[in-house]
Amino acid sequence: MITDLTEIIEKEVKAIRNIPVTDAYDKAIKLIIEQVHVKRGTLVCSGMGKAGQIASNMATTFSSTGTPACFLHPSEAQHGDLGILRENDLMLLISNSGKTREIVELITLARNLIPDIKFIVITGNGESDLAQSATVCLMTGNPPEVCPLGLTPTTSTSVMTVIGDLLVAETMKRINFSAADYAKRHHGGYLGTVSRKQAGK
């Protein structure tokens, strides 16, 4: 059993190491800074199912580190929540297959509302319509899932999470986000205490 578990860990580690790191990351981060920090828009993250949970986590992590972001459920978007979108907002869409119906439809709906809205897409399928519609596309490397059936989002969601961490960490560096800035947004709990100490408060 221990050997089997170790093999699963190694497969996940290999998938993370094989994330294609290209100049698309630089383009994505510049786009985030331009739309959110210069033009004062919001980073609107979306995904369906497990990918949606990753998108929600990305939104909260971005928000706590100085980049205003929110999560938009793709199904609820079709029932009025699309109205959260404003000029200068930037969308970050996640779909491993690149074929998730609700996410593909969300691009059309968003463009109907804001024709020049831009999209960062995270996917494992560079040939998909979703990838082709992106302003910037970040590839996962499409690793096989460690699920015994090869179906349940497991490895793919691990990789998506790391890609989100890459975007967050590099954006923080480029906007010179400090411990003092962090403390203003995260007053409570252990992290709030630590950040205030680092900021000398």
Protein backbone atom coordinates (compact mmCIF):
# COMPACT_ATOMS: atom_id res chain seq x y z
CA MET A 1 0.00 0.00 0.00
CA ILE A 2 2.75 2.46 0.95
CA THR A 3 4.49 1.75 -2.36
CA ASP A 4 1.25 2.44 -4.25
CA LEU A 5 0.76 5.73 -2.44
CA THR A 6 4.35 6.76 -3.15
CA GLU A 7 3.81 6.02 -6.84
CA ILE A 8 0.74 8.27 -6.87
CA ILE A 9 2.75 11.07 -5.29
CA GLU A 10 5.51 10.62 -7.88
CA LYS A 11 3.00 10.78 -10.72
CA GLU A 12 1.57 14.04 -9.34
CA VAL A 13 5.06 15.50 -8.87
CA LYS A 14 6.00 14.52 -12.43
CA ALA A 15 2.89 16.23 -13.78
CA ILE A 16 3.73 19.43 -11.93
CA ARG A 17 7.33 19.35 -13.16
CA ASN A 18 6.06 18.92 -16.72
CA ILE A 19 3.84 22.01 -16.70
CA PRO A 20 4.78 23.84 -19.93
CA VAL A 21 6.37 27.09 -18.75
CA THR A 22 6.35 29.49 -21.70
CA ASP A 23 6.25 33.22 -22.34
CA ALA A 24 2.47 32.90 -22.09
CA TYR A 25 2.90 33.35 -18.33
CA ASP A 26 4.58 36.70 -18.83
CA LYS A 27 1.75 37.73 -21.15
CA ALA A 28 -0.89 36.57 -18.66
CA ILE A 29 0.68 38.43 -15.74
CA LYS A 30 1.08 41.61 -17.78
CA LEU A 31 -2.57 41.32 -18.75
CA ILE A 32 -3.62 40.94 -15.11
CA ILE A 33 -1.61 43.99 -14.11
CA GLU A 34 -2.88 46.05 -17.05
CA GLN A 35 -6.56 45.24 -16.59
CA VAL A 36 -6.76 45.10 -12.80
CA HIS A 37 -4.02 47.36 -11.46
CA VAL A 38 -3.86 49.97 -14.22
CA LYS A 39 -7.41 50.02 -15.62
CA ARG A 40 -8.98 49.13 -12.23
CA GLY A 41 -10.96 46.15 -13.46
CA THR A 42 -11.57 42.88 -11.62
CA LEU A 43 -10.15 39.44 -12.35
CA VAL A 44 -13.25 37.26 -12.82
CA CYS A 45 -12.46 33.56 -12.42
CA SER A 46 -14.70 30.75 -13.60
CA GLY A 47 -14.78 27.00 -14.02
CA MET A 48 -17.29 24.16 -13.74
CA GLY A 49 -17.22 21.33 -11.21
CA LYS A 50 -13.78 20.59 -9.74
CA ALA A 51 -12.19 23.20 -12.02
CA GLY A 52 -14.68 25.69 -10.60
CA GLN A 53 -13.44 24.96 -7.09
CA ILE A 54 -9.90 25.68 -8.26
CA ALA A 55 -11.08 28.91 -9.91
CA SER A 56 -12.81 29.97 -6.69
CA ASN A 57 -9.63 29.32 -4.72
CA MET A 58 -7.61 31.36 -7.23
CA ALA A 59 -10.03 34.27 -6.86
CA THR A 60 -9.74 34.36 -3.08
CA THR A 61 -5.95 33.99 -3.20
CA PHE A 62 -5.60 36.82 -5.72
CA SER A 63 -7.88 39.03 -3.63
CA SER A 64 -5.91 38.45 -0.44
CA THR A 65 -2.67 39.34 -2.21
CA GLY A 66 -3.66 42.67 -3.69
CA THR A 67 -5.34 41.74 -6.98
CA PRO A 68 -9.14 42.19 -6.72
CA ALA A 69 -10.82 39.04 -8.02
CA CYS A 70 -14.11 37.18 -7.78
CA PHE A 71 -15.61 33.84 -8.77
CA LEU A 72 -18.42 33.68 -11.33
CA HIS A 73 -20.30 30.37 -11.54
CA PRO A 74 -20.75 29.65 -15.26
CA SER A 75 -24.27 28.28 -14.86
CA GLU A 76 -25.43 31.12 -12.63
CA ALA A 77 -23.92 33.52 -15.18
CA GLN A 78 -26.65 32.39 -17.58
CA HIS A 79 -29.28 33.38 -15.04
CA GLY A 80 -28.25 36.95 -14.37
CA ASP A 81 -24.93 36.75 -12.54
CA LEU A 82 -23.17 37.71 -15.78
CA GLY A 83 -24.16 41.24 -14.81
CA ILE A 84 -21.16 41.37 -12.48
CA LEU A 85 -18.92 41.99 -15.51
CA ARG A 86 -17.78 45.54 -16.17
CA GLU A 87 -15.56 47.32 -18.65
CA ASN A 88 -11.86 46.53 -18.09
CA ASP A 89 -12.58 43.28 -16.26
CA LEU A 90 -10.44 40.28 -17.18
CA MET A 91 -11.71 36.69 -17.18
CA LEU A 92 -9.70 33.65 -16.10
CA LEU A 93 -11.41 30.47 -17.33
CA ILE A 94 -10.45 26.90 -16.41
CA SER A 95 -11.41 23.72 -18.26
CA ASN A 96 -9.16 20.69 -18.54
CA SER A 97 -10.91 19.39 -21.65
CA GLY A 98 -11.43 22.83 -23.15
CA LYS A 99 -14.89 21.59 -24.08
CA THR A 100 -16.91 22.29 -20.93
CA ARG A 101 -20.18 23.55 -22.39
CA GLU A 102 -20.91 26.14 -19.72
CA ILE A 103 -17.42 27.67 -20.03
CA VAL A 104 -17.45 27.74 -23.83
CA GLU A 105 -20.87 29.41 -23.71
CA LEU A 106 -19.59 31.88 -21.11
CA ILE A 107 -17.12 33.30 -23.62
CA THR A 108 -19.93 34.08 -26.05
CA LEU A 109 -22.14 35.54 -23.33
CA ALA A 110 -19.35 37.70 -21.95
CA ARG A 111 -18.51 39.04 -25.41
CA ASN A 112 -22.15 39.85 -26.02
CA LEU A 113 -22.03 42.04 -22.91
CA ILE A 114 -18.49 43.42 -23.28
CA PRO A 115 -17.25 42.85 -26.85
CA ASP A 116 -13.57 43.54 -26.15
CA ILE A 117 -13.29 41.57 -22.89
CA LYS A 118 -10.09 39.53 -22.63
CA PHE A 119 -9.59 35.95 -21.45
CA ILE A 120 -6.84 33.94 -19.80
CA VAL A 121 -7.58 30.24 -20.29
CA ILE A 122 -6.07 27.30 -18.40
CA THR A 123 -6.63 24.02 -20.25
CA GLY A 124 -5.12 20.70 -21.23
CA ASN A 125 -6.45 20.93 -24.78
CA GLY A 126 -4.70 23.50 -26.93
CA GLU A 127 -6.78 22.56 -29.97
CA SER A 128 -10.12 23.28 -28.30
CA ASP A 129 -12.38 26.18 -29.20
CA LEU A 130 -11.82 27.49 -25.68
CA ALA A 131 -8.05 27.62 -26.15
CA GLN A 132 -8.42 29.21 -29.57
CA SER A 133 -10.70 31.90 -28.13
CA ALA A 134 -8.22 32.89 -25.42
CA THR A 135 -6.26 36.10 -25.32
CA VAL A 136 -3.62 34.06 -23.47
CA CYS A 137 -3.68 30.27 -23.09
CA LEU A 138 -1.80 28.44 -20.33
CA MET A 139 -1.41 24.73 -20.95
CA THR A 140 -1.52 22.13 -18.17
CA GLY A 141 0.45 19.53 -20.11
CA ASN A 142 -2.68 17.35 -20.03
CA PRO A 143 -1.32 14.82 -17.52
CA PRO A 144 -3.14 11.50 -17.02
CA GLU A 145 -5.28 11.41 -13.89
CA VAL A 146 -4.05 9.24 -11.00
CA CYS A 147 -7.65 8.15 -10.45
CA PRO A 148 -7.75 4.35 -11.08
CA LEU A 149 -10.46 4.98 -13.69
CA GLY A 150 -8.49 7.77 -15.34
CA LEU A 151 -11.59 9.95 -15.07
CA THR A 152 -11.81 11.79 -11.76
CA PRO A 153 -10.09 15.21 -11.79
CA THR A 154 -7.06 14.56 -9.58
CA THR A 155 -3.72 15.22 -11.25
CA SER A 156 -5.28 17.85 -13.52
CA THR A 157 -6.60 19.84 -10.56
CA SER A 158 -3.23 19.62 -8.81
CA VAL A 159 -1.59 21.11 -11.89
CA MET A 160 -4.27 23.81 -12.19
CA THR A 161 -3.68 24.80 -8.58
CA VAL A 162 0.06 25.16 -9.18
CA ILE A 163 -0.55 27.26 -12.29
CA GLY A 164 -2.72 29.56 -10.17
CA ASP A 165 0.06 29.78 -7.59
CA LEU A 166 2.54 30.75 -10.33
CA LEU A 167 0.27 33.58 -11.46
CA VAL A 168 -0.37 34.82 -7.93
CA ALA A 169 3.24 34.70 -6.76
CA GLU A 170 4.65 36.46 -9.82
CA THR A 171 1.91 39.09 -9.80
CA MET A 172 2.71 39.83 -6.15
CA LYS A 173 6.37 40.40 -7.06
CA ARG A 174 5.56 42.74 -9.93
CA ILE A 175 3.16 44.91 -7.93
CA ASN A 176 5.61 44.99 -4.98
CA PHE A 177 3.01 43.56 -2.62
CA SER A 178 4.35 43.84 0.94
CA ALA A 179 3.66 42.33 4.35
CA ALA A 180 2.01 45.64 5.29
CA ASP A 181 -0.27 45.33 2.26
CA TYR A 182 -1.08 41.75 3.24
CA ALA A 183 -1.90 42.74 6.82
CA LYS A 184 -4.45 45.30 5.61
CA ARG A 185 -6.36 42.53 3.83
CA HIS A 186 -5.83 39.70 6.29
CA HIS A 187 -6.28 41.10 9.77
CA GLY A 188 -7.56 37.97 11.49
CA GLY A 189 -5.98 34.68 12.42
CA TYR A 190 -2.40 33.48 12.53
CA LEU A 191 -1.47 34.92 9.13
CA GLY A 192 -2.80 38.31 10.16
CA THR A 193 -0.60 38.24 13.26
CA VAL A 194 2.48 37.16 11.29
CA SER A 195 1.98 39.74 8.54
CA ARG A 196 1.56 42.57 11.08
CA LYS A 197 4.80 41.52 12.79
CA GLN A 198 6.62 41.45 9.46
CA ALA A 199 5.25 44.90 8.69
CA GLY A 200 6.41 46.16 12.10
CA LYS A 201 2.90 46.82 13.36
